[in-house]
Amino acid sequence: MDKIGLEQHLEAWAKTDALRQAAASTVAALATACRDLATIIAAGPLAGNLAAHRNEGKAGDVQTELDVRANALLVEALENAPVAAVASEEMDAPLPLNAGAPIVVALDPLDGSSNIGANVSIGTIFSLLPSLPNSSGAEASAFLRPGREQIAAGYVLYGPQTALALTLGAGTDVFTLDATSGHFVRTGAHVRVPPQTREFAINASNYRHWDAPVQSWFDDCLAGAEGPRGENFNMRWIASMVAETHRILMRGGVYVYPGDARPGYGSGRLRLIYEANPMALLIEQAGGYASTGTERILDRTPRLLHERVPLVFGAREEVERIDRYQCGDIPKGHTSPLFARRGLFV
């Protein structure tokens, strides 16, 4: 283990480039806030009823006490960073911070809220974009840009260890919080996602709502060595995308969250700006791939701040295979009807 700290890593990357220096300062501020948030989460019920419901959004999302506290903690940290504005899954519109600053930040302050009361891993997701010229950063247009324009992206996982996965556009690195010093230390440099996998994460309870292409892919996986895939698969589902992503970075796999026939799920459920884009950049910088099922996530231009998308990411060959199911290029030996209903991904 090279024992390089996050601060050293950021400094070596930024050097004398002004925009990189601003991004490095922003990542450092987020890391400090997430360290403090990890302390609150580790206290569990001793820190109050963190799973208590505070509000319910128009789309049916429940906002918990910890969602609110995490959002406030992260926004406060960004007030002292070179950030023009912050957009958050917990806020209806961007919040202006420092006019003229070179960075804007998109946040999912607390991913996996349904797991708070069960002591299951949860996380924070962040995305950094350069501010647009002649913009205060507070306009929605500052964030309605393809994910490939991100300067940096990452997440912090609050689990048995507090881990930070970060990409600065030149590979993906993993840092672990040293509780003694309070600093993040690099424990995985340039991690790679194997191109093939026999492990997938999907919520199988929604099978009846899926469209035919994803049912076909799932059925072929379940058929195991005796089926058209000719091998056995394992399934995992934590209901925390940060935890699912960390597992994929550590040992491979694929994550699938399609749109389905339930009200409000037709275009997927995960938000493009706050969740899909940062995870896509992290995964692709680790050699994987991320798709909506019909297009590369990082090439999609958001139309709305809280736009939702279907999301498939992880092992490149498996993601590309799932895309081919959508296109009708089904492996030989498959016998289920393909297009019994409308296409899965939009």
Protein backbone atom coordinates (compact mmCIF):
# COMPACT_ATOMS: atom_id res chain seq x y z
CA MET A 1 0.00 0.00 0.00
CA ASP A 2 1.47 3.37 -1.03
CA LYS A 3 -0.06 5.32 1.90
CA ILE A 4 -0.63 8.43 -0.21
CA GLY A 5 -3.19 10.73 1.37
CA LEU A 6 -6.07 12.33 -0.51
CA GLU A 7 -4.50 15.78 -0.13
CA GLN A 8 -1.24 14.60 -1.72
CA HIS A 9 -3.16 12.90 -4.52
CA LEU A 10 -5.13 16.07 -5.28
CA GLU A 11 -2.06 18.28 -5.11
CA ALA A 12 -0.10 16.09 -7.53
CA TRP A 13 -3.01 16.20 -9.98
CA ALA A 14 -3.74 19.91 -9.72
CA LYS A 15 -0.16 21.25 -9.89
CA THR A 16 -0.37 24.87 -11.14
CA ASP A 17 -3.56 24.57 -13.22
CA ALA A 18 -6.13 27.03 -11.80
CA LEU A 19 -9.24 25.01 -12.67
CA ARG A 20 -7.74 21.81 -11.30
CA GLN A 21 -6.72 23.61 -8.12
CA ALA A 22 -10.31 24.78 -7.67
CA ALA A 23 -11.60 21.25 -8.25
CA ALA A 24 -9.05 19.85 -5.80
CA SER A 25 -10.11 22.32 -3.12
CA THR A 26 -13.74 21.39 -3.72
CA VAL A 27 -13.10 17.65 -3.44
CA ALA A 28 -11.13 18.24 -0.24
CA ALA A 29 -14.03 20.23 1.24
CA LEU A 30 -16.49 17.48 0.32
CA ALA A 31 -14.21 14.83 1.84
CA THR A 32 -14.04 16.72 5.13
CA ALA A 33 -17.82 17.09 5.25
CA CYS A 34 -18.27 13.39 4.48
CA ARG A 35 -15.85 12.50 7.27
CA ASP A 36 -18.05 14.46 9.67
CA LEU A 37 -21.16 12.84 8.22
CA ALA A 38 -19.59 9.41 8.76
CA THR A 39 -19.33 10.21 12.46
CA ILE A 40 -23.04 11.02 12.64
CA ILE A 41 -23.97 7.86 10.74
CA ALA A 42 -21.74 5.69 12.93
CA ALA A 43 -23.57 6.98 16.00
CA GLY A 44 -26.83 5.63 14.62
CA PRO A 45 -29.76 6.08 17.04
CA LEU A 46 -27.43 7.90 19.44
CA ALA A 47 -27.48 10.79 16.95
CA GLY A 48 -31.28 10.86 16.88
CA ASN A 49 -33.90 9.21 14.71
CA LEU A 50 -31.96 9.52 11.45
CA ALA A 51 -34.54 7.50 9.52
CA ALA A 52 -37.48 9.69 10.57
CA HIS A 53 -39.57 10.92 7.65
CA ARG A 54 -39.39 14.66 7.12
CA ASN A 55 -41.07 15.23 3.76
CA GLU A 56 -42.39 13.40 0.71
CA GLY A 57 -41.62 14.81 -2.73
CA LYS A 58 -43.96 15.08 -5.68
CA ALA A 59 -42.41 11.96 -7.22
CA GLY A 60 -43.03 9.92 -4.09
CA ASP A 61 -39.49 10.12 -2.72
CA VAL A 62 -39.39 10.18 1.07
CA GLN A 63 -36.96 12.64 2.63
CA THR A 64 -35.48 11.47 5.92
CA GLU A 65 -33.90 13.33 8.81
CA LEU A 66 -30.46 12.16 7.64
CA ASP A 67 -31.15 13.35 4.07
CA VAL A 68 -31.78 16.83 5.43
CA ARG A 69 -28.76 16.84 7.72
CA ALA A 70 -26.44 15.46 5.05
CA ASN A 71 -27.56 18.07 2.54
CA ALA A 72 -27.04 20.92 5.04
CA LEU A 73 -23.58 19.65 6.03
CA LEU A 74 -22.35 19.33 2.45
CA VAL A 75 -23.77 22.67 1.32
CA GLU A 76 -22.12 24.39 4.28
CA ALA A 77 -18.77 22.87 3.32
CA LEU A 78 -19.14 24.08 -0.27
CA GLU A 79 -19.84 27.64 0.86
CA ASN A 80 -16.15 27.92 1.71
CA ALA A 81 -14.95 26.28 -1.51
CA PRO A 82 -14.51 27.82 -5.00
CA VAL A 83 -18.05 26.78 -5.96
CA ALA A 84 -20.47 29.04 -7.82
CA ALA A 85 -23.56 26.95 -7.12
CA VAL A 86 -24.70 23.58 -5.90
CA ALA A 87 -27.55 21.44 -7.20
CA SER A 88 -28.82 18.67 -4.97
CA GLU A 89 -31.27 15.82 -5.19
CA GLU A 90 -32.73 17.28 -2.00
CA MET A 91 -33.36 20.76 -3.49
CA ASP A 92 -35.76 21.88 -6.20
CA ALA A 93 -33.36 24.38 -7.80
CA PRO A 94 -29.62 25.19 -7.75
CA LEU A 95 -28.40 27.20 -4.78
CA PRO A 96 -26.01 30.09 -5.62
CA LEU A 97 -22.91 30.20 -3.41
CA ASN A 98 -19.91 32.18 -4.68
CA ALA A 99 -20.58 34.23 -7.81
CA GLY A 100 -17.88 33.88 -10.43
CA ALA A 101 -16.32 30.76 -8.89
CA PRO A 102 -15.03 28.22 -11.44
CA ILE A 103 -16.86 25.08 -10.23
CA VAL A 104 -20.46 23.92 -9.88
CA VAL A 105 -21.31 20.81 -7.87
CA ALA A 106 -24.16 18.29 -8.14
CA LEU A 107 -24.94 16.16 -5.09
CA ASP A 108 -26.87 13.17 -3.95
CA PRO A 109 -26.20 13.83 -0.26
CA LEU A 110 -27.50 10.51 1.01
CA ASP A 111 -27.92 7.53 -1.31
CA GLY A 112 -29.77 4.50 0.04
CA SER A 113 -32.00 6.31 2.53
CA SER A 114 -34.28 3.28 2.94
CA ASN A 115 -31.36 1.46 4.60
CA ILE A 116 -30.68 4.02 7.34
CA GLY A 117 -32.68 2.33 10.06
CA ALA A 118 -31.36 -1.13 9.18
CA ASN A 119 -27.65 -0.28 9.61
CA VAL A 120 -26.93 -1.13 5.97
CA SER A 121 -24.31 0.71 3.91
CA ILE A 122 -25.33 4.10 2.49
CA GLY A 123 -23.40 6.82 0.72
CA THR A 124 -22.87 10.29 -0.74
CA ILE A 125 -22.40 10.95 -4.47
CA PHE A 126 -20.85 14.08 -5.99
CA SER A 127 -20.11 15.51 -9.42
CA LEU A 128 -18.00 18.54 -10.38
CA LEU A 129 -18.46 20.58 -13.56
CA PRO A 130 -16.67 23.71 -14.74
CA SER A 131 -18.80 26.83 -14.49
CA LEU A 132 -20.14 28.16 -17.78
CA PRO A 133 -18.72 31.46 -19.05
CA ASN A 134 -20.83 34.51 -18.16
CA SER A 135 -23.00 32.45 -15.83
CA SER A 136 -23.67 32.80 -12.13
CA GLY A 137 -23.87 29.02 -11.94
CA ALA A 138 -27.27 29.20 -10.31
CA GLU A 139 -29.16 28.71 -13.57
CA ALA A 140 -30.34 25.19 -14.40
CA SER A 141 -28.33 25.41 -17.64
CA ALA A 142 -25.11 25.24 -15.61
CA PHE A 143 -25.99 21.60 -14.83
CA LEU A 144 -27.82 20.54 -18.01
CA ARG A 145 -24.69 19.23 -19.69
CA PRO A 146 -23.44 15.81 -20.79
CA GLY A 147 -21.67 13.80 -18.12
CA ARG A 148 -18.51 13.67 -20.21
CA GLU A 149 -17.93 17.34 -19.22
CA GLN A 150 -17.41 16.43 -15.55
CA ILE A 151 -14.03 17.42 -14.12
CA ALA A 152 -14.30 14.97 -11.24
CA ALA A 153 -16.80 12.62 -9.67
CA GLY A 154 -16.94 10.31 -6.71
CA TYR A 155 -18.79 8.82 -3.82
CA VAL A 156 -18.25 8.14 -0.14
CA LEU A 157 -19.45 4.81 1.22
CA TYR A 158 -20.44 4.64 4.89
CA GLY A 159 -20.03 0.97 5.70
CA PRO A 160 -17.72 -1.22 7.80
CA GLN A 161 -15.07 1.18 6.53
CA THR A 162 -15.67 4.69 5.23
CA ALA A 163 -14.36 4.63 1.67
CA LEU A 164 -14.05 7.35 -0.96
CA ALA A 165 -13.94 6.45 -4.66
CA LEU A 166 -12.71 9.30 -6.86
CA THR A 167 -11.97 9.96 -10.49
CA LEU A 168 -10.25 13.10 -11.74
CA GLY A 169 -10.56 11.95 -15.34
CA ALA A 170 -7.43 9.80 -15.33
CA GLY A 171 -8.48 6.53 -13.69
CA THR A 172 -10.42 5.69 -10.55
CA ASP A 173 -8.81 5.52 -7.11
CA VAL A 174 -10.16 4.36 -3.76
CA PHE A 175 -9.31 5.93 -0.40
CA THR A 176 -10.12 4.65 3.10
CA LEU A 177 -10.74 6.91 6.07
CA ASP A 178 -8.12 6.51 8.78
CA ALA A 179 -10.21 7.06 11.90
CA THR A 180 -7.10 7.82 13.96
CA SER A 181 -5.81 10.70 11.82
CA GLY A 182 -9.11 11.73 10.23
CA HIS A 183 -7.53 11.60 6.76
CA PHE A 184 -8.41 9.56 3.68
CA VAL A 185 -5.53 7.30 2.58
CA ARG A 186 -5.28 5.72 -0.86
CA THR A 187 -5.85 1.99 -0.66
CA GLY A 188 -6.61 1.26 -4.31
CA ALA A 189 -4.83 2.98 -7.20
CA HIS A 190 -6.29 2.78 -10.72
CA VAL A 191 -8.81 0.08 -9.85
CA ARG A 192 -10.20 -1.87 -12.80
CA VAL A 193 -13.56 -3.50 -13.48
CA PRO A 194 -13.11 -6.86 -15.28
CA PRO A 195 -14.86 -6.81 -18.69
CA GLN A 196 -16.74 -10.04 -17.99
CA THR A 197 -18.81 -11.08 -14.99
CA ARG A 198 -21.07 -13.76 -13.58
CA GLU A 199 -22.55 -11.50 -10.90
CA PHE A 200 -25.35 -8.99 -11.30
CA ALA A 201 -27.35 -6.62 -9.12
CA ILE A 202 -31.03 -6.09 -9.90
CA ASN A 203 -34.25 -5.87 -7.89
CA ALA A 204 -35.91 -9.11 -9.02
CA SER A 205 -39.13 -8.31 -7.15
CA ASN A 206 -40.00 -6.02 -10.07
CA TYR A 207 -39.75 -8.82 -12.66
CA ARG A 208 -43.44 -8.66 -13.54
CA HIS A 209 -43.14 -4.95 -14.34
CA TRP A 210 -40.09 -5.26 -16.61
CA ASP A 211 -40.39 -5.18 -20.35
CA ALA A 212 -39.53 -8.21 -22.43
CA PRO A 213 -35.85 -7.48 -23.21
CA VAL A 214 -34.75 -7.30 -19.60
CA GLN A 215 -36.92 -10.28 -18.67
CA SER A 216 -35.21 -12.23 -21.45
CA TRP A 217 -31.73 -11.27 -20.24
CA PHE A 218 -32.65 -12.13 -16.64
CA ASP A 219 -34.21 -15.48 -17.62
CA ASP A 220 -31.10 -16.44 -19.56
CA CYS A 221 -28.92 -15.64 -16.53
CA LEU A 222 -31.16 -17.68 -14.22
CA ALA A 223 -31.04 -20.66 -16.61
CA GLY A 224 -27.41 -21.04 -15.60
CA ALA A 225 -25.03 -23.57 -17.10
CA GLU A 226 -27.92 -25.42 -18.71
CA GLY A 227 -29.22 -22.28 -20.45
CA PRO A 228 -28.07 -20.23 -23.46
CA ARG A 229 -25.38 -18.42 -21.43
CA GLY A 230 -23.73 -21.72 -20.49
CA GLU A 231 -22.63 -20.56 -17.02
CA ASN A 232 -24.02 -19.96 -13.55
CA PHE A 233 -24.64 -16.46 -12.17
CA ASN A 234 -24.92 -14.90 -8.71
CA MET A 235 -27.35 -12.10 -7.86
CA ARG A 236 -26.85 -9.32 -5.30
CA TRP A 237 -29.15 -6.46 -4.29
CA ILE A 238 -28.41 -4.01 -1.44
CA ALA A 239 -30.77 -1.16 -2.48
CA SER A 240 -27.90 1.30 -2.08
CA MET A 241 -26.27 2.22 -5.39
CA VAL A 242 -23.09 3.40 -3.71
CA ALA A 243 -22.67 0.01 -2.05
CA GLU A 244 -23.45 -1.80 -5.31
CA THR A 245 -20.92 0.35 -7.17
CA HIS A 246 -18.23 -0.23 -4.57
CA ARG A 247 -18.67 -3.98 -4.84
CA ILE A 248 -18.35 -3.75 -8.63
CA LEU A 249 -15.17 -1.66 -8.34
CA MET A 250 -13.70 -4.14 -5.85
CA ARG A 251 -14.60 -7.44 -7.55
CA GLY A 252 -16.55 -6.80 -10.74
CA GLY A 253 -20.18 -7.24 -11.71
CA VAL A 254 -23.01 -5.36 -13.37
CA TYR A 255 -25.77 -3.14 -11.97
CA VAL A 256 -29.16 -2.97 -13.70
CA TYR A 257 -31.96 -0.53 -12.84
CA PRO A 258 -34.32 -0.43 -15.82
CA GLY A 259 -37.43 1.55 -16.43
CA ASP A 260 -40.58 -0.50 -15.97
CA ALA A 261 -44.37 -0.44 -16.19
CA ARG A 262 -45.06 1.03 -12.74
CA PRO A 263 -46.36 4.61 -12.59
CA GLY A 264 -43.39 6.98 -12.49
CA TYR A 265 -40.85 4.33 -13.48
CA GLY A 266 -41.27 4.33 -17.26
CA SER A 267 -38.11 6.39 -17.83
CA GLY A 268 -36.16 4.81 -15.01
CA ARG A 269 -35.84 5.98 -11.43
CA LEU A 270 -32.26 7.16 -10.98
CA ARG A 271 -31.42 10.80 -11.57
CA LEU A 272 -29.08 11.50 -14.46
CA ILE A 273 -27.23 14.50 -12.98
CA TYR A 274 -26.90 13.39 -9.36
CA GLU A 275 -26.48 9.63 -9.67
CA ALA A 276 -26.03 8.23 -13.18
CA ASN A 277 -23.42 10.69 -14.49
CA PRO A 278 -20.96 10.51 -11.58
CA MET A 279 -21.23 6.73 -11.35
CA ALA A 280 -20.81 6.40 -15.11
CA LEU A 281 -17.60 8.46 -15.04
CA LEU A 282 -16.20 6.45 -12.13
CA ILE A 283 -16.99 3.13 -13.81
CA GLU A 284 -15.74 4.09 -17.26
CA GLN A 285 -12.50 5.45 -15.80
CA ALA A 286 -12.11 1.99 -14.24
CA GLY A 287 -12.53 0.26 -17.60
CA GLY A 288 -16.25 -0.45 -17.37
CA TYR A 289 -19.20 0.98 -19.26
CA ALA A 290 -22.48 2.74 -18.42
CA SER A 291 -25.58 2.87 -20.60
CA THR A 292 -29.28 3.69 -20.61
CA GLY A 293 -29.76 0.57 -22.70
CA THR A 294 -29.75 2.54 -25.92
CA GLU A 295 -27.03 5.16 -25.43
CA ARG A 296 -23.90 5.88 -23.43
CA ILE A 297 -24.84 7.68 -20.21
CA LEU A 298 -22.02 10.21 -20.49
CA ASP A 299 -23.22 11.31 -23.95
CA ARG A 300 -26.76 12.11 -22.84
CA THR A 301 -27.62 15.79 -22.35
CA PRO A 302 -30.06 16.33 -19.43
CA ARG A 303 -33.23 18.25 -20.21
CA LEU A 304 -34.31 18.68 -16.59
CA LEU A 305 -32.46 19.07 -13.29
CA HIS A 306 -34.12 16.00 -11.84
CA GLU A 307 -34.37 13.95 -15.03
CA ARG A 308 -34.48 10.21 -14.48
CA VAL A 309 -32.94 7.51 -16.64
CA PRO A 310 -32.64 3.73 -16.84
CA LEU A 311 -29.13 2.72 -15.81
CA VAL A 312 -26.89 -0.24 -16.57
CA PHE A 313 -23.21 -0.14 -15.60
CA GLY A 314 -20.25 -2.30 -14.72
CA ALA A 315 -18.48 -5.02 -16.71
CA ARG A 316 -18.24 -3.68 -20.26
CA GLU A 317 -19.06 -6.91 -22.08
CA GLU A 318 -22.14 -7.58 -19.95
CA VAL A 319 -23.46 -4.03 -20.32
CA GLU A 320 -22.99 -4.26 -24.08
CA ARG A 321 -24.78 -7.62 -24.06
CA ILE A 322 -27.76 -6.10 -22.24
CA ASP A 323 -27.81 -3.31 -24.83
CA ARG A 324 -27.97 -5.96 -27.56
CA TYR A 325 -30.99 -7.56 -25.91
CA GLN A 326 -32.73 -4.21 -26.26
CA CYS A 327 -31.78 -4.08 -29.94
CA GLY A 328 -33.10 -7.60 -30.55
CA ASP A 329 -29.72 -9.26 -31.05
CA ILE A 330 -30.49 -12.14 -28.65
CA PRO A 331 -28.03 -15.02 -28.13
CA LYS A 332 -28.78 -18.17 -30.09
CA GLY A 333 -30.94 -20.60 -28.14
CA HIS A 334 -33.12 -17.92 -26.57
CA THR A 335 -36.80 -18.88 -26.86
CA SER A 336 -38.79 -16.22 -24.97
CA PRO A 337 -40.77 -13.60 -26.90
CA LEU A 338 -38.70 -10.42 -27.14
CA PHE A 339 -41.01 -7.55 -27.88
CA ALA A 340 -44.26 -8.49 -26.13
CA ARG A 341 -44.47 -4.91 -24.88
CA ARG A 342 -42.83 -1.57 -25.57
CA GLY A 343 -39.04 -1.25 -25.47
CA LEU A 344 -37.50 -1.20 -22.01
CA PHE A 345 -35.17 1.77 -22.20
CA VAL A 346 -36.03 5.27 -23.27
